[in-house]
Protein backbone atom coordinates (compact mmCIF):
# COMPACT_ATOMS: atom_id res chain seq x y z
CA UNK A 1 213.37 4.40 -18.75
CA UNK A 2 213.25 6.25 -22.06
CA UNK A 3 209.57 7.10 -21.52
CA UNK A 4 210.18 8.56 -18.06
CA UNK A 5 213.23 10.80 -18.44
CA UNK A 6 212.52 14.30 -19.70
CA UNK A 7 216.00 15.80 -19.45
CA UNK A 8 219.58 14.76 -18.73
CA UNK A 9 222.36 17.09 -17.69
CA UNK A 10 225.63 15.78 -19.08
CA UNK A 11 229.29 16.77 -19.07
CA UNK A 12 230.81 16.64 -22.55
CA UNK A 13 234.37 15.56 -23.35
CA UNK A 14 235.50 19.21 -23.35
CA UNK A 15 234.18 19.67 -19.80
CA UNK A 16 231.17 21.76 -20.78
CA UNK A 17 227.76 20.96 -19.31
CA UNK A 18 224.62 20.73 -21.40
CA UNK A 19 221.03 19.93 -20.61
CA UNK A 20 219.72 17.42 -23.14
CA UNK A 21 215.96 17.31 -23.45
CA UNK A 22 213.29 18.34 -25.87
CA UNK A 23 214.75 20.64 -28.51
CA UNK A 24 212.71 23.21 -30.40
CA UNK A 25 212.27 23.07 -34.16
CA UNK A 26 213.97 26.49 -34.34
CA UNK A 27 217.38 26.08 -32.72
CA UNK A 28 218.37 29.75 -33.00
CA UNK A 29 217.77 30.38 -29.28
CA UNK A 30 219.57 27.21 -28.13
CA UNK A 31 223.12 27.08 -26.81
CA UNK A 32 225.56 26.79 -29.73
CA UNK A 33 226.89 23.31 -28.87
CA UNK A 34 223.40 21.92 -28.26
CA UNK A 35 222.21 23.36 -31.59
CA UNK A 36 225.19 21.74 -33.35
CA UNK A 37 224.46 18.35 -31.80
CA UNK A 38 220.72 18.59 -32.51
CA UNK A 39 221.38 19.54 -36.15
CA UNK A 40 223.82 16.64 -36.51
CA UNK A 41 221.26 14.20 -35.09
CA UNK A 42 218.55 15.56 -37.38
CA UNK A 43 220.84 15.13 -40.39
CA UNK A 44 221.76 11.62 -39.27
CA UNK A 45 218.09 10.68 -39.07
CA UNK A 46 217.17 12.40 -42.34
CA UNK A 47 219.97 10.66 -44.24
CA UNK A 48 219.15 7.25 -42.75
CA UNK A 49 215.39 7.35 -42.04
CA UNK A 50 214.53 4.57 -44.47
CA UNK A 51 217.24 2.26 -43.11
CA UNK A 52 216.27 3.05 -39.50
CA UNK A 53 212.61 2.26 -40.27
CA UNK A 54 213.60 -1.06 -41.86
CA UNK A 55 216.00 -2.22 -39.15
CA UNK A 56 214.71 -0.89 -35.82
CA UNK A 57 211.97 -3.13 -34.44
CA UNK A 58 208.70 -1.48 -33.38
CA UNK A 59 208.84 -2.53 -29.73
CA UNK A 60 207.76 -0.71 -26.58
CA UNK A 61 210.88 -1.72 -24.68
CA UNK A 62 214.18 -1.99 -26.51
CA UNK A 63 217.14 -3.15 -24.46
CA UNK A 64 219.56 -3.88 -27.27
CA UNK A 65 220.70 -0.41 -28.26
CA UNK A 66 220.06 3.25 -28.65
CA UNK A 67 216.64 4.68 -29.53
CA UNK A 68 217.88 6.28 -32.73
CA UNK A 69 214.38 6.00 -34.18
CA UNK A 70 213.21 8.64 -31.68
CA UNK A 71 215.16 11.24 -33.68
CA UNK A 72 212.31 11.21 -36.18
CA UNK A 73 209.64 12.09 -33.64
CA UNK A 74 207.89 15.45 -34.10
CA UNK A 75 209.17 16.64 -30.71
CA UNK A 76 212.82 15.61 -30.71
CA UNK A 77 214.22 14.87 -27.25
CA UNK A 78 217.95 14.14 -27.13
CA UNK A 79 217.71 12.76 -23.59
CA UNK A 80 216.07 9.66 -25.10
CA UNK A 81 219.35 8.81 -26.81
CA UNK A 82 221.26 9.07 -23.56
CA UNK A 83 219.03 6.84 -21.44
CA UNK A 84 218.22 4.22 -24.04
CA UNK A 85 221.39 2.14 -23.86
CA UNK A 86 221.54 -0.32 -20.99
CA UNK A 87 224.71 -2.00 -19.83
CA UNK A 88 224.98 -5.57 -18.66
CA UNK A 89 224.94 -5.75 -14.88
CA UNK A 90 227.29 -8.17 -13.22
CA UNK A 91 229.66 -8.44 -16.16
CA UNK A 92 233.22 -7.29 -16.31
CA UNK A 93 234.77 -5.51 -19.29
CA UNK A 94 235.62 -7.94 -22.04
CA UNK A 95 233.43 -10.76 -20.75
CA UNK A 96 230.66 -12.30 -22.83
């Protein structure tokens, strides 16, 4: 799924809507909230790049978590973080 989704429109906790997709290197023309989130994700990756490289397996299809390693790609796309996590179908909350 992560390789097929280009953009995701999402409603944030404050009720605002944002389109998450590829973000430019220069965020000055981006909506303020999107620029804040993109900068935070860039800082997260920069501060943890070595650990991410050591711990995230180099697999084509990852079903165990978020694609946080995609934050280091030259063309950052925040939609990849939103579509990467897969839930367990057929399970109820709290079941194993």
